[in-house]
């Protein structure tokens, strides 16, 4: 019972911050599952299933307060999901500490870049919505999808910043797309792939799912109510923390 309560509280907090900043629930949630005794592969598959609930909770709130474009949402699914399946298919056979350190440096770099760009993501100015822009942007989303399927922490943050930097979104809109599309479709396909290839620890899923749904809704609510400035600060804090976590191991 204590394990279930601990898992619920940690899942609630981790997913609330993730929904506010646009990613990063795995920074806390996955290490806790491993600390409580699950092998990496089982912990990863279990975390992926729970992360879908984060997308559900965030979607419930964002559909009430956001203006998501259906065609752009479909574009993110088409470009990202194949990469997620590819990444999830190989990660159970390829443990790679070097890749984690590299990802940690890149993730921390996102936070530093945002800190040094005061106006980044504060206004919605859509750009590169032509064929060339979509092709180039889609290639990068596919690559992030591979990372999403194979690694555990912070890949949603890459999507958030890419939508801002390449397509001219503000933080609020980019986080909404990340949580709905990455949370539901990318993580859903990753969870399905890992579930078929590996094992899921079903006993702890109810506490994880409940914490993820409630945390996702709470974080999305704060993002919508408080706006771009708070989201930007949360994004910077989470990217720096995840970067250090991945580098230090």
C-alpha atoms as a PDB file:
ATOM      1  CA  UNK A   1       0.000   0.000   0.000  1.00  0.00           C
ATOM      2  CA  UNK A   2       2.834   2.415   0.815  1.00  0.00           C
ATOM      3  CA  UNK A   3       4.398   1.690  -2.577  1.00  0.00           C
ATOM      4  CA  UNK A   4       1.115   2.526  -4.307  1.00  0.00           C
ATOM      5  CA  UNK A   5       0.715   5.797  -2.387  1.00  0.00           C
ATOM      6  CA  UNK A   6       4.324   6.775  -3.114  1.00  0.00           C
ATOM      7  CA  UNK A   7       3.935   5.962  -6.804  1.00  0.00           C
ATOM      8  CA  UNK A   8       0.699   7.955  -7.038  1.00  0.00           C
ATOM      9  CA  UNK A   9       2.166  11.072  -5.389  1.00  0.00           C
ATOM     10  CA  UNK A  10       5.341  10.984  -7.477  1.00  0.00           C
ATOM     11  CA  UNK A  11       3.361  10.366 -10.668  1.00  0.00           C
ATOM     12  CA  UNK A  12       1.038  13.272  -9.854  1.00  0.00           C
ATOM     13  CA  UNK A  13       3.893  15.729  -9.261  1.00  0.00           C
ATOM     14  CA  UNK A  14       6.041  14.529 -12.185  1.00  0.00           C
ATOM     15  CA  UNK A  15       3.212  14.666 -14.688  1.00  0.00           C
ATOM     16  CA  UNK A  16       1.950  18.057 -13.492  1.00  0.00           C
ATOM     17  CA  UNK A  17       5.392  19.551 -14.158  1.00  0.00           C
ATOM     18  CA  UNK A  18       5.587  17.666 -17.449  1.00  0.00           C
ATOM     19  CA  UNK A  19       2.221  19.018 -18.628  1.00  0.00           C
ATOM     20  CA  UNK A  20       3.260  22.541 -17.652  1.00  0.00           C
ATOM     21  CA  UNK A  21       6.661  22.499 -19.342  1.00  0.00           C
ATOM     22  CA  UNK A  22       5.956  20.253 -22.326  1.00  0.00           C
ATOM     23  CA  UNK A  23       7.711  17.051 -21.226  1.00  0.00           C
ATOM     24  CA  UNK A  24      10.002  15.461 -18.672  1.00  0.00           C
ATOM     25  CA  UNK A  25       7.829  13.172 -16.532  1.00  0.00           C
ATOM     26  CA  UNK A  26      10.359  10.376 -17.005  1.00  0.00           C
ATOM     27  CA  UNK A  27      12.965  12.406 -15.094  1.00  0.00           C
ATOM     28  CA  UNK A  28      11.300  11.375 -11.845  1.00  0.00           C
ATOM     29  CA  UNK A  29       8.870   8.596 -12.683  1.00  0.00           C
ATOM     30  CA  UNK A  30      11.159   6.090 -14.403  1.00  0.00           C
ATOM     31  CA  UNK A  31      14.006   6.194 -11.824  1.00  0.00           C
ATOM     32  CA  UNK A  32      11.449   5.636  -9.046  1.00  0.00           C
ATOM     33  CA  UNK A  33      10.140   2.499 -10.747  1.00  0.00           C
ATOM     34  CA  UNK A  34      13.702   1.203 -11.090  1.00  0.00           C
ATOM     35  CA  UNK A  35      14.502   2.161  -7.475  1.00  0.00           C
ATOM     36  CA  UNK A  36      11.453   0.184  -6.302  1.00  0.00           C
ATOM     37  CA  UNK A  37      12.838  -2.930  -7.956  1.00  0.00           C
ATOM     38  CA  UNK A  38      11.732  -3.117 -11.585  1.00  0.00           C
ATOM     39  CA  UNK A  39      14.315  -4.053 -14.243  1.00  0.00           C
ATOM     40  CA  UNK A  40      14.976  -1.293 -16.797  1.00  0.00           C
ATOM     41  CA  UNK A  41      13.017  -2.873 -19.659  1.00  0.00           C
ATOM     42  CA  UNK A  42       9.910  -3.528 -17.535  1.00  0.00           C
ATOM     43  CA  UNK A  43      10.148  -0.103 -15.890  1.00  0.00           C
ATOM     44  CA  UNK A  44      10.427   1.570 -19.310  1.00  0.00           C
ATOM     45  CA  UNK A  45       7.402  -0.268 -20.735  1.00  0.00           C
ATOM     46  CA  UNK A  46       5.348   0.459 -17.603  1.00  0.00           C
ATOM     47  CA  UNK A  47       6.336   4.135 -17.676  1.00  0.00           C
ATOM     48  CA  UNK A  48       5.398   4.408 -21.361  1.00  0.00           C
ATOM     49  CA  UNK A  49       1.901   3.047 -20.669  1.00  0.00           C
ATOM     50  CA  UNK A  50       1.459   5.531 -17.816  1.00  0.00           C
ATOM     51  CA  UNK A  51       2.683   8.404 -19.990  1.00  0.00           C
ATOM     52  CA  UNK A  52      -0.311   7.844 -22.275  1.00  0.00           C
ATOM     53  CA  UNK A  53      -2.522   8.758 -19.306  1.00  0.00           C
ATOM     54  CA  UNK A  54      -0.614  12.050 -19.058  1.00  0.00           C
ATOM     55  CA  UNK A  55      -1.679  12.744 -22.633  1.00  0.00           C
ATOM     56  CA  UNK A  56      -5.288  11.889 -21.794  1.00  0.00           C
ATOM     57  CA  UNK A  57      -5.359  14.208 -18.781  1.00  0.00           C
ATOM     58  CA  UNK A  58      -3.739  17.061 -20.694  1.00  0.00           C
ATOM     59  CA  UNK A  59      -5.989  16.511 -23.713  1.00  0.00           C
ATOM     60  CA  UNK A  60      -9.124  16.768 -21.577  1.00  0.00           C
ATOM     61  CA  UNK A  61      -8.021  20.251 -20.501  1.00  0.00           C
ATOM     62  CA  UNK A  62      -6.455  21.487 -23.732  1.00  0.00           C
ATOM     63  CA  UNK A  63      -9.470  20.599 -25.855  1.00  0.00           C
ATOM     64  CA  UNK A  64     -11.424  23.113 -23.758  1.00  0.00           C
ATOM     65  CA  UNK A  65      -8.899  25.951 -23.970  1.00  0.00           C
ATOM     66  CA  UNK A  66      -6.685  25.459 -27.030  1.00  0.00           C
ATOM     67  CA  UNK A  67      -6.981  25.877 -30.784  1.00  0.00           C
ATOM     68  CA  UNK A  68      -5.269  22.855 -32.297  1.00  0.00           C
ATOM     69  CA  UNK A  69      -5.167  22.648 -36.090  1.00  0.00           C
ATOM     70  CA  UNK A  70      -6.341  19.239 -37.263  1.00  0.00           C
ATOM     71  CA  UNK A  71      -4.032  19.099 -40.299  1.00  0.00           C
ATOM     72  CA  UNK A  72      -0.948  20.035 -38.290  1.00  0.00           C
ATOM     73  CA  UNK A  73      -1.875  17.476 -35.635  1.00  0.00           C
ATOM     74  CA  UNK A  74      -2.116  14.786 -38.331  1.00  0.00           C
ATOM     75  CA  UNK A  75       1.271  15.903 -39.687  1.00  0.00           C
ATOM     76  CA  UNK A  76       2.849  15.346 -36.246  1.00  0.00           C
ATOM     77  CA  UNK A  77       1.330  11.864 -35.989  1.00  0.00           C
ATOM     78  CA  UNK A  78       2.447  10.802 -39.473  1.00  0.00           C
ATOM     79  CA  UNK A  79       6.022  12.042 -39.047  1.00  0.00           C
ATOM     80  CA  UNK A  80       6.582  11.067 -35.430  1.00  0.00           C
ATOM     81  CA  UNK A  81       4.900   7.704 -34.831  1.00  0.00           C
ATOM     82  CA  UNK A  82       7.089   5.677 -37.270  1.00  0.00           C
ATOM     83  CA  UNK A  83      10.181   7.030 -35.499  1.00  0.00           C
ATOM     84  CA  UNK A  84       8.751   6.084 -32.106  1.00  0.00           C
ATOM     85  CA  UNK A  85       8.064   2.507 -33.229  1.00  0.00           C
ATOM     86  CA  UNK A  86      11.570   2.237 -34.672  1.00  0.00           C
ATOM     87  CA  UNK A  87      13.189   3.551 -31.494  1.00  0.00           C
ATOM     88  CA  UNK A  88      11.094   1.349 -29.205  1.00  0.00           C
ATOM     89  CA  UNK A  89      11.897  -1.712 -31.330  1.00  0.00           C
ATOM     90  CA  UNK A  90      15.660  -1.415 -30.806  1.00  0.00           C
ATOM     91  CA  UNK A  91      16.074   0.027 -27.298  1.00  0.00           C
ATOM     92  CA  UNK A  92      15.586  -3.260 -25.451  1.00  0.00           C
ATOM     93  CA  UNK A  93      18.618  -4.688 -27.283  1.00  0.00           C
ATOM     94  CA  UNK A  94      20.824  -1.569 -27.286  1.00  0.00           C
ATOM     95  CA  UNK A  95      21.682  -0.083 -23.871  1.00  0.00           C
ATOM     96  CA  UNK A  96      23.792   2.972 -24.688  1.00  0.00           C
ATOM     97  CA  UNK A  97      25.241   5.126 -21.923  1.00  0.00           C
ATOM     98  CA  UNK A  98      27.019   7.354 -24.434  1.00  0.00           C
ATOM     99  CA  UNK A  99      23.696   8.211 -26.082  1.00  0.00           C
ATOM    100  CA  UNK A 100      22.250   9.150 -22.685  1.00  0.00           C
ATOM    101  CA  UNK A 101      25.118  11.535 -21.968  1.00  0.00           C
ATOM    102  CA  UNK A 102      24.796  13.102 -25.416  1.00  0.00           C
ATOM    103  CA  UNK A 103      21.054  13.475 -24.943  1.00  0.00           C
ATOM    104  CA  UNK A 104      21.669  15.041 -21.523  1.00  0.00           C
ATOM    105  CA  UNK A 105      23.998  17.649 -23.015  1.00  0.00           C
ATOM    106  CA  UNK A 106      21.511  18.430 -25.780  1.00  0.00           C
ATOM    107  CA  UNK A 107      18.599  18.657 -23.338  1.00  0.00           C
ATOM    108  CA  UNK A 108      20.448  21.017 -21.009  1.00  0.00           C
ATOM    109  CA  UNK A 109      21.390  23.002 -24.097  1.00  0.00           C
ATOM    110  CA  UNK A 110      17.681  23.538 -24.802  1.00  0.00           C
ATOM    111  CA  UNK A 111      17.283  25.185 -21.408  1.00  0.00           C
ATOM    112  CA  UNK A 112      20.355  27.369 -21.875  1.00  0.00           C
ATOM    113  CA  UNK A 113      19.157  28.399 -25.340  1.00  0.00           C
ATOM    114  CA  UNK A 114      15.745  29.364 -23.954  1.00  0.00           C
ATOM    115  CA  UNK A 115      17.320  31.294 -21.072  1.00  0.00           C
ATOM    116  CA  UNK A 116      19.435  33.284 -23.509  1.00  0.00           C
ATOM    117  CA  UNK A 117      16.435  34.068 -25.746  1.00  0.00           C
ATOM    118  CA  UNK A 118      14.061  36.223 -23.638  1.00  0.00           C
ATOM    119  CA  UNK A 119      11.423  36.613 -26.360  1.00  0.00           C
ATOM    120  CA  UNK A 120      11.473  32.986 -27.516  1.00  0.00           C
ATOM    121  CA  UNK A 121       7.991  31.495 -27.724  1.00  0.00           C
ATOM    122  CA  UNK A 122       6.211  34.508 -26.297  1.00  0.00           C
ATOM    123  CA  UNK A 123       4.174  35.234 -29.421  1.00  0.00           C
ATOM    124  CA  UNK A 124       2.503  33.060 -32.039  1.00  0.00           C
ATOM    125  CA  UNK A 125       4.007  33.853 -35.469  1.00  0.00           C
ATOM    126  CA  UNK A 126       3.493  30.837 -37.772  1.00  0.00           C
ATOM    127  CA  UNK A 127       6.258  30.331 -40.341  1.00  0.00           C
ATOM    128  CA  UNK A 128       7.534  27.622 -42.732  1.00  0.00           C
ATOM    129  CA  UNK A 129       4.081  26.277 -43.532  1.00  0.00           C
ATOM    130  CA  UNK A 130       5.061  25.434 -47.112  1.00  0.00           C
ATOM    131  CA  UNK A 131       6.093  22.061 -48.546  1.00  0.00           C
ATOM    132  CA  UNK A 132       9.798  22.581 -47.902  1.00  0.00           C
ATOM    133  CA  UNK A 133       9.155  23.683 -44.322  1.00  0.00           C
ATOM    134  CA  UNK A 134       6.951  20.672 -43.603  1.00  0.00           C
ATOM    135  CA  UNK A 135       9.425  18.203 -45.128  1.00  0.00           C
ATOM    136  CA  UNK A 136      12.383  19.577 -43.150  1.00  0.00           C
ATOM    137  CA  UNK A 137      10.330  19.895 -39.986  1.00  0.00           C
ATOM    138  CA  UNK A 138       8.926  16.386 -40.435  1.00  0.00           C
ATOM    139  CA  UNK A 139      12.388  14.841 -40.771  1.00  0.00           C
ATOM    140  CA  UNK A 140      13.391  16.352 -37.439  1.00  0.00           C
ATOM    141  CA  UNK A 141      10.132  15.199 -35.809  1.00  0.00           C
ATOM    142  CA  UNK A 142      10.840  11.667 -37.071  1.00  0.00           C
ATOM    143  CA  UNK A 143      14.289  11.820 -35.450  1.00  0.00           C
ATOM    144  CA  UNK A 144      12.800  13.047 -32.180  1.00  0.00           C
ATOM    145  CA  UNK A 145      10.279  10.214 -32.459  1.00  0.00           C
ATOM    146  CA  UNK A 146      13.153   7.698 -32.556  1.00  0.00           C
ATOM    147  CA  UNK A 147      14.514   9.250 -29.347  1.00  0.00           C
ATOM    148  CA  UNK A 148      11.040   9.193 -27.811  1.00  0.00           C
ATOM    149  CA  UNK A 149      10.688   5.478 -28.430  1.00  0.00           C
ATOM    150  CA  UNK A 150      14.191   4.548 -27.322  1.00  0.00           C
ATOM    151  CA  UNK A 151      15.020   6.939 -24.478  1.00  0.00           C
ATOM    152  CA  UNK A 152      12.976   7.940 -21.496  1.00  0.00           C
ATOM    153  CA  UNK A 153      13.305  11.536 -20.374  1.00  0.00           C
ATOM    154  CA  UNK A 154      12.748  14.843 -22.036  1.00  0.00           C
ATOM    155  CA  UNK A 155      12.055  14.069 -25.684  1.00  0.00           C
ATOM    156  CA  UNK A 156       8.750  15.924 -25.482  1.00  0.00           C
ATOM    157  CA  UNK A 157      10.807  18.998 -24.620  1.00  0.00           C
ATOM    158  CA  UNK A 158      12.620  18.652 -27.955  1.00  0.00           C
ATOM    159  CA  UNK A 159       9.263  18.627 -29.741  1.00  0.00           C
ATOM    160  CA  UNK A 160       8.110  21.707 -27.822  1.00  0.00           C
ATOM    161  CA  UNK A 161      11.192  23.747 -28.685  1.00  0.00           C
ATOM    162  CA  UNK A 162      11.224  22.542 -32.311  1.00  0.00           C
ATOM    163  CA  UNK A 163       7.614  23.645 -32.817  1.00  0.00           C
ATOM    164  CA  UNK A 164       8.550  27.059 -31.429  1.00  0.00           C
ATOM    165  CA  UNK A 165      11.836  27.472 -33.285  1.00  0.00           C
ATOM    166  CA  UNK A 166      10.886  26.016 -36.679  1.00  0.00           C
ATOM    167  CA  UNK A 167       7.139  26.630 -36.986  1.00  0.00           C
ATOM    168  CA  UNK A 168       6.903  29.882 -35.005  1.00  0.00           C
ATOM    169  CA  UNK A 169       4.580  28.716 -32.238  1.00  0.00           C
ATOM    170  CA  UNK A 170       4.405  30.248 -28.777  1.00  0.00           C
ATOM    171  CA  UNK A 171       5.048  28.128 -25.686  1.00  0.00           C
ATOM    172  CA  UNK A 172       1.380  27.647 -24.829  1.00  0.00           C
ATOM    173  CA  UNK A 173       0.436  26.344 -28.264  1.00  0.00           C
ATOM    174  CA  UNK A 174       3.593  24.217 -28.652  1.00  0.00           C
ATOM    175  CA  UNK A 175       3.054  22.561 -25.260  1.00  0.00           C
ATOM    176  CA  UNK A 176      -0.560  21.809 -26.199  1.00  0.00           C
ATOM    177  CA  UNK A 177       0.514  20.037 -29.394  1.00  0.00           C
ATOM    178  CA  UNK A 178       3.263  18.159 -27.555  1.00  0.00           C
ATOM    179  CA  UNK A 179       1.010  16.897 -24.788  1.00  0.00           C
ATOM    180  CA  UNK A 180      -1.876  15.886 -27.021  1.00  0.00           C
ATOM    181  CA  UNK A 181       0.042  14.406 -29.967  1.00  0.00           C
ATOM    182  CA  UNK A 182       3.183  13.114 -28.231  1.00  0.00           C
ATOM    183  CA  UNK A 183       1.303  12.179 -25.062  1.00  0.00           C
ATOM    184  CA  UNK A 184      -1.422  10.201 -26.787  1.00  0.00           C
ATOM    185  CA  UNK A 185      -0.170   9.016 -30.170  1.00  0.00           C
ATOM    186  CA  UNK A 186       3.629   8.900 -29.876  1.00  0.00           C
ATOM    187  CA  UNK A 187       3.669   7.471 -26.357  1.00  0.00           C
ATOM    188  CA  UNK A 188       0.738   5.211 -27.176  1.00  0.00           C
ATOM    189  CA  UNK A 189       2.577   3.624 -30.101  1.00  0.00           C
ATOM    190  CA  UNK A 190       5.747   3.343 -27.992  1.00  0.00           C
ATOM    191  CA  UNK A 191       3.835   1.700 -25.148  1.00  0.00           C
ATOM    192  CA  UNK A 192       2.217  -0.769 -27.541  1.00  0.00           C
ATOM    193  CA  UNK A 193       5.556  -1.671 -29.132  1.00  0.00           C
ATOM    194  CA  UNK A 194       7.328  -2.092 -25.781  1.00  0.00           C
ATOM    195  CA  UNK A 195       4.360  -4.033 -24.405  1.00  0.00           C
ATOM    196  CA  UNK A 196       4.516  -6.482 -27.313  1.00  0.00           C
ATOM    197  CA  UNK A 197       8.299  -6.880 -27.173  1.00  0.00           C
ATOM    198  CA  UNK A 198       8.786  -6.672 -23.396  1.00  0.00           C
ATOM    199  CA  UNK A 199       6.803  -6.882 -20.163  1.00  0.00           C
ATOM    200  CA  UNK A 200       4.599  -4.444 -18.227  1.00  0.00           C
ATOM    201  CA  UNK A 201       4.240  -4.469 -14.445  1.00  0.00           C
ATOM    202  CA  UNK A 202       0.449  -4.281 -14.204  1.00  0.00           C
ATOM    203  CA  UNK A 203       0.274  -4.183 -10.392  1.00  0.00           C
ATOM    204  CA  UNK A 204       1.492  -0.575 -10.158  1.00  0.00           C
ATOM    205  CA  UNK A 205      -0.321   0.745 -13.223  1.00  0.00           C
ATOM    206  CA  UNK A 206      -3.532   1.919 -11.452  1.00  0.00           C
ATOM    207  CA  UNK A 207      -1.584   4.307  -9.182  1.00  0.00           C
ATOM    208  CA  UNK A 208       0.588   5.468 -12.100  1.00  0.00           C
ATOM    209  CA  UNK A 209      -2.388   6.007 -14.381  1.00  0.00           C
ATOM    210  CA  UNK A 210      -4.397   7.945 -11.804  1.00  0.00           C
ATOM    211  CA  UNK A 211      -1.452  10.187 -10.950  1.00  0.00           C
ATOM    212  CA  UNK A 212      -0.681  10.725 -14.646  1.00  0.00           C
ATOM    213  CA  UNK A 213      -4.233  11.696 -15.604  1.00  0.00           C
ATOM    214  CA  UNK A 214      -4.697  14.081 -12.665  1.00  0.00           C
ATOM    215  CA  UNK A 215      -1.187  15.521 -13.026  1.00  0.00           C
ATOM    216  CA  UNK A 216      -1.629  16.005 -16.764  1.00  0.00           C
ATOM    217  CA  UNK A 217      -4.909  17.851 -16.275  1.00  0.00           C
ATOM    218  CA  UNK A 218      -3.503  20.033 -13.482  1.00  0.00           C
ATOM    219  CA  UNK A 219      -0.346  20.957 -15.397  1.00  0.00           C
ATOM    220  CA  UNK A 220      -2.299  21.715 -18.580  1.00  0.00           C
ATOM    221  CA  UNK A 221      -4.688  23.920 -16.598  1.00  0.00           C
ATOM    222  CA  UNK A 222      -1.798  25.930 -15.145  1.00  0.00           C
ATOM    223  CA  UNK A 223      -0.237  26.287 -18.605  1.00  0.00           C
ATOM    224  CA  UNK A 224      -3.457  27.652 -20.092  1.00  0.00           C
ATOM    225  CA  UNK A 225      -4.247  29.982 -17.178  1.00  0.00           C
ATOM    226  CA  UNK A 226      -0.738  31.334 -16.490  1.00  0.00           C
ATOM    227  CA  UNK A 227       0.490  31.670 -20.071  1.00  0.00           C
ATOM    228  CA  UNK A 228       3.790  31.727 -21.930  1.00  0.00           C
ATOM    229  CA  UNK A 229       6.058  33.308 -19.323  1.00  0.00           C
ATOM    230  CA  UNK A 230       5.440  30.642 -16.664  1.00  0.00           C
ATOM    231  CA  UNK A 231       5.654  27.845 -19.247  1.00  0.00           C
ATOM    232  CA  UNK A 232       8.986  29.197 -20.481  1.00  0.00           C
ATOM    233  CA  UNK A 233      10.425  29.225 -16.947  1.00  0.00           C
ATOM    234  CA  UNK A 234       9.129  25.706 -16.273  1.00  0.00           C
ATOM    235  CA  UNK A 235      10.582  24.510 -19.589  1.00  0.00           C
ATOM    236  CA  UNK A 236      13.996  25.940 -18.714  1.00  0.00           C
ATOM    237  CA  UNK A 237      14.005  24.399 -15.222  1.00  0.00           C
ATOM    238  CA  UNK A 238      12.938  20.956 -16.442  1.00  0.00           C
ATOM    239  CA  UNK A 239      15.406  20.847 -19.352  1.00  0.00           C
ATOM    240  CA  UNK A 240      18.337  21.755 -17.111  1.00  0.00           C
ATOM    241  CA  UNK A 241      17.321  19.187 -14.474  1.00  0.00           C
ATOM    242  CA  UNK A 242      16.833  16.424 -17.038  1.00  0.00           C
ATOM    243  CA  UNK A 243      20.111  17.269 -18.734  1.00  0.00           C
ATOM    244  CA  UNK A 244      22.001  16.951 -15.452  1.00  0.00           C
ATOM    245  CA  UNK A 245      20.144  13.747 -14.586  1.00  0.00           C
ATOM    246  CA  UNK A 246      21.046  12.102 -17.900  1.00  0.00           C
ATOM    247  CA  UNK A 247      24.686  13.243 -17.763  1.00  0.00           C
ATOM    248  CA  UNK A 248      25.241  12.147 -14.153  1.00  0.00           C
ATOM    249  CA  UNK A 249      23.302   8.902 -14.561  1.00  0.00           C
END
